[in-house]
Amino acid sequence: MSDDIRAVLGDPAPPEAPRIGPVLEEVYSVLEQRKAEPSEESYTAKLLVGPQDKLLKKVAEEASEVIIAARDHDPEQLRWEIGDLIYHVLVVMLREGMTLEDLASELASRRR
């Protein structure tokens, strides 16, 4: 962009970072869809109907990977592993009949 155009229009606003609330709601909605309309190819659907122990072991595995990434001070890996952990925790929530609203209420009740 030329300086003349920049002077008139200003610099374009940087793209807004996604907000966690809407992202969690969208992910949870997709999980609900996978539960309602399971597909043999869907990893999520397999976690929702397969053996519970397999899902719970994935949560433990992902939690361990978060710990390792944090210990190693690796922000890229930490972000990735936290994403995996949250995804698997959301699957546990859905499988157990817990909603995002249930979680929000619990977290809000802990504020002082």
C-alpha atoms as a PDB file:
ATOM      1  CA  MET A   1       0.000   0.000   0.000  1.00  0.00           C
ATOM      2  CA  SER A   2       1.416   3.397  -0.936  1.00  0.00           C
ATOM      3  CA  ASP A   3       1.969   6.077   1.687  1.00  0.00           C
ATOM      4  CA  ASP A   4      -0.749   8.252   0.063  1.00  0.00           C
ATOM      5  CA  ILE A   5      -3.357   5.515   0.292  1.00  0.00           C
ATOM      6  CA  ARG A   6      -2.220   4.625   3.801  1.00  0.00           C
ATOM      7  CA  ALA A   7      -2.670   8.273   4.846  1.00  0.00           C
ATOM      8  CA  VAL A   8      -6.274   8.256   3.613  1.00  0.00           C
ATOM      9  CA  LEU A   9      -7.335   4.737   4.546  1.00  0.00           C
ATOM     10  CA  GLY A  10      -5.047   4.050   7.445  1.00  0.00           C
ATOM     11  CA  ASP A  11      -3.411   0.726   8.043  1.00  0.00           C
ATOM     12  CA  PRO A  12      -5.749  -2.211   7.775  1.00  0.00           C
ATOM     13  CA  ALA A  13      -6.803  -3.524  11.139  1.00  0.00           C
ATOM     14  CA  PRO A  14      -5.027  -6.735  12.069  1.00  0.00           C
ATOM     15  CA  PRO A  15      -7.289  -9.748  12.034  1.00  0.00           C
ATOM     16  CA  GLU A  16      -8.975 -10.279  15.360  1.00  0.00           C
ATOM     17  CA  ALA A  17      -7.762 -13.243  17.369  1.00  0.00           C
ATOM     18  CA  PRO A  18     -10.418 -15.903  17.868  1.00  0.00           C
ATOM     19  CA  ARG A  19     -12.184 -15.827  21.238  1.00  0.00           C
ATOM     20  CA  ILE A  20     -12.162 -19.063  23.236  1.00  0.00           C
ATOM     21  CA  GLY A  21     -15.883 -19.090  24.062  1.00  0.00           C
ATOM     22  CA  PRO A  22     -17.181 -19.176  20.489  1.00  0.00           C
ATOM     23  CA  VAL A  23     -14.451 -21.619  19.455  1.00  0.00           C
ATOM     24  CA  LEU A  24     -15.347 -24.035  22.280  1.00  0.00           C
ATOM     25  CA  GLU A  25     -19.029 -23.712  21.390  1.00  0.00           C
ATOM     26  CA  GLU A  26     -18.287 -24.492  17.745  1.00  0.00           C
ATOM     27  CA  VAL A  27     -16.100 -27.490  18.590  1.00  0.00           C
ATOM     28  CA  TYR A  28     -18.681 -28.825  21.052  1.00  0.00           C
ATOM     29  CA  SER A  29     -21.406 -28.399  18.425  1.00  0.00           C
ATOM     30  CA  VAL A  30     -19.375 -30.453  15.940  1.00  0.00           C
ATOM     31  CA  LEU A  31     -18.898 -33.131  18.612  1.00  0.00           C
ATOM     32  CA  GLU A  32     -22.664 -33.204  19.202  1.00  0.00           C
ATOM     33  CA  GLN A  33     -23.192 -33.605  15.464  1.00  0.00           C
ATOM     34  CA  ARG A  34     -20.725 -36.512  15.359  1.00  0.00           C
ATOM     35  CA  LYS A  35     -22.656 -38.149  18.194  1.00  0.00           C
ATOM     36  CA  ALA A  36     -26.020 -37.615  16.501  1.00  0.00           C
ATOM     37  CA  GLU A  37     -24.791 -38.693  13.063  1.00  0.00           C
ATOM     38  CA  PRO A  38     -21.908 -41.105  13.648  1.00  0.00           C
ATOM     39  CA  SER A  39     -19.716 -42.113  10.766  1.00  0.00           C
ATOM     40  CA  GLU A  40     -17.347 -45.061  10.672  1.00  0.00           C
ATOM     41  CA  GLU A  41     -14.567 -42.731   9.527  1.00  0.00           C
ATOM     42  CA  SER A  42     -15.056 -40.248  12.373  1.00  0.00           C
ATOM     43  CA  TYR A  43     -12.438 -40.451  15.124  1.00  0.00           C
ATOM     44  CA  THR A  44     -14.794 -38.513  17.398  1.00  0.00           C
ATOM     45  CA  ALA A  45     -17.676 -40.919  16.782  1.00  0.00           C
ATOM     46  CA  LYS A  46     -15.393 -43.845  17.637  1.00  0.00           C
ATOM     47  CA  LEU A  47     -14.406 -42.178  20.905  1.00  0.00           C
ATOM     48  CA  LEU A  48     -18.039 -41.493  21.761  1.00  0.00           C
ATOM     49  CA  VAL A  49     -19.257 -45.065  21.289  1.00  0.00           C
ATOM     50  CA  GLY A  50     -16.108 -47.109  21.798  1.00  0.00           C
ATOM     51  CA  PRO A  51     -14.743 -48.398  25.074  1.00  0.00           C
ATOM     52  CA  GLN A  52     -14.656 -45.634  27.668  1.00  0.00           C
ATOM     53  CA  ASP A  53     -11.229 -46.770  28.861  1.00  0.00           C
ATOM     54  CA  LYS A  54      -9.746 -45.948  25.450  1.00  0.00           C
ATOM     55  CA  LEU A  55     -11.020 -42.369  25.685  1.00  0.00           C
ATOM     56  CA  LEU A  56      -9.866 -41.967  29.272  1.00  0.00           C
ATOM     57  CA  LYS A  57      -6.403 -43.275  28.388  1.00  0.00           C
ATOM     58  CA  LYS A  58      -6.239 -40.640  25.625  1.00  0.00           C
ATOM     59  CA  VAL A  59      -7.029 -37.934  28.191  1.00  0.00           C
ATOM     60  CA  ALA A  60      -4.226 -39.226  30.422  1.00  0.00           C
ATOM     61  CA  GLU A  61      -1.838 -39.415  27.456  1.00  0.00           C
ATOM     62  CA  GLU A  62      -2.638 -35.873  26.350  1.00  0.00           C
ATOM     63  CA  ALA A  63      -2.276 -34.563  29.921  1.00  0.00           C
ATOM     64  CA  SER A  64       1.175 -36.157  30.086  1.00  0.00           C
ATOM     65  CA  GLU A  65       2.130 -34.531  26.806  1.00  0.00           C
ATOM     66  CA  VAL A  66       1.011 -31.133  28.153  1.00  0.00           C
ATOM     67  CA  ILE A  67       3.247 -31.671  31.180  1.00  0.00           C
ATOM     68  CA  ILE A  68       6.245 -32.579  29.008  1.00  0.00           C
ATOM     69  CA  ALA A  69       5.762 -29.596  26.672  1.00  0.00           C
ATOM     70  CA  ALA A  70       5.456 -27.228  29.654  1.00  0.00           C
ATOM     71  CA  ARG A  71       8.521 -28.735  31.307  1.00  0.00           C
ATOM     72  CA  ASP A  72      10.460 -28.270  28.076  1.00  0.00           C
ATOM     73  CA  HIS A  73       9.266 -24.651  27.733  1.00  0.00           C
ATOM     74  CA  ASP A  74       8.084 -25.423  24.195  1.00  0.00           C
ATOM     75  CA  PRO A  75       5.212 -22.998  23.494  1.00  0.00           C
ATOM     76  CA  GLU A  76       4.376 -24.390  20.052  1.00  0.00           C
ATOM     77  CA  GLN A  77       4.163 -27.963  21.336  1.00  0.00           C
ATOM     78  CA  LEU A  78       2.363 -26.830  24.492  1.00  0.00           C
ATOM     79  CA  ARG A  79      -0.348 -25.068  22.470  1.00  0.00           C
ATOM     80  CA  TRP A  80      -0.773 -28.191  20.313  1.00  0.00           C
ATOM     81  CA  GLU A  81      -0.967 -30.554  23.283  1.00  0.00           C
ATOM     82  CA  ILE A  82      -3.377 -28.342  25.226  1.00  0.00           C
ATOM     83  CA  GLY A  83      -5.591 -28.333  22.131  1.00  0.00           C
ATOM     84  CA  ASP A  84      -5.512 -32.139  22.070  1.00  0.00           C
ATOM     85  CA  LEU A  85      -6.259 -32.341  25.794  1.00  0.00           C
ATOM     86  CA  ILE A  86      -9.189 -29.927  25.601  1.00  0.00           C
ATOM     87  CA  TYR A  87     -10.617 -31.776  22.593  1.00  0.00           C
ATOM     88  CA  HIS A  88     -10.508 -35.096  24.441  1.00  0.00           C
ATOM     89  CA  VAL A  89     -11.943 -33.550  27.620  1.00  0.00           C
ATOM     90  CA  LEU A  90     -14.818 -32.137  25.555  1.00  0.00           C
ATOM     91  CA  VAL A  91     -15.459 -35.622  24.174  1.00  0.00           C
ATOM     92  CA  VAL A  92     -15.553 -36.958  27.756  1.00  0.00           C
ATOM     93  CA  MET A  93     -17.978 -34.199  28.708  1.00  0.00           C
ATOM     94  CA  LEU A  94     -20.313 -35.001  25.830  1.00  0.00           C
ATOM     95  CA  ARG A  95     -20.096 -38.728  26.414  1.00  0.00           C
ATOM     96  CA  GLU A  96     -21.003 -38.198  30.084  1.00  0.00           C
ATOM     97  CA  GLY A  97     -23.853 -35.799  29.315  1.00  0.00           C
ATOM     98  CA  MET A  98     -22.107 -32.671  30.532  1.00  0.00           C
ATOM     99  CA  THR A  99     -22.555 -29.394  28.645  1.00  0.00           C
ATOM    100  CA  LEU A 100     -20.388 -26.327  28.230  1.00  0.00           C
ATOM    101  CA  GLU A 101     -22.948 -24.516  30.374  1.00  0.00           C
ATOM    102  CA  ASP A 102     -22.345 -27.056  33.158  1.00  0.00           C
ATOM    103  CA  LEU A 103     -18.632 -26.356  32.939  1.00  0.00           C
ATOM    104  CA  ALA A 104     -19.160 -22.592  32.813  1.00  0.00           C
ATOM    105  CA  SER A 105     -21.349 -22.764  35.927  1.00  0.00           C
ATOM    106  CA  GLU A 106     -18.722 -24.785  37.756  1.00  0.00           C
ATOM    107  CA  LEU A 107     -15.913 -22.417  36.836  1.00  0.00           C
ATOM    108  CA  ALA A 108     -18.009 -19.336  37.646  1.00  0.00           C
ATOM    109  CA  SER A 109     -18.831 -20.774  41.075  1.00  0.00           C
ATOM    110  CA  ARG A 110     -15.103 -20.865  41.864  1.00  0.00           C
ATOM    111  CA  ARG A 111     -14.596 -17.126  41.443  1.00  0.00           C
ATOM    112  CA  ARG A 112     -14.001 -15.162  44.606  1.00  0.00           C
END
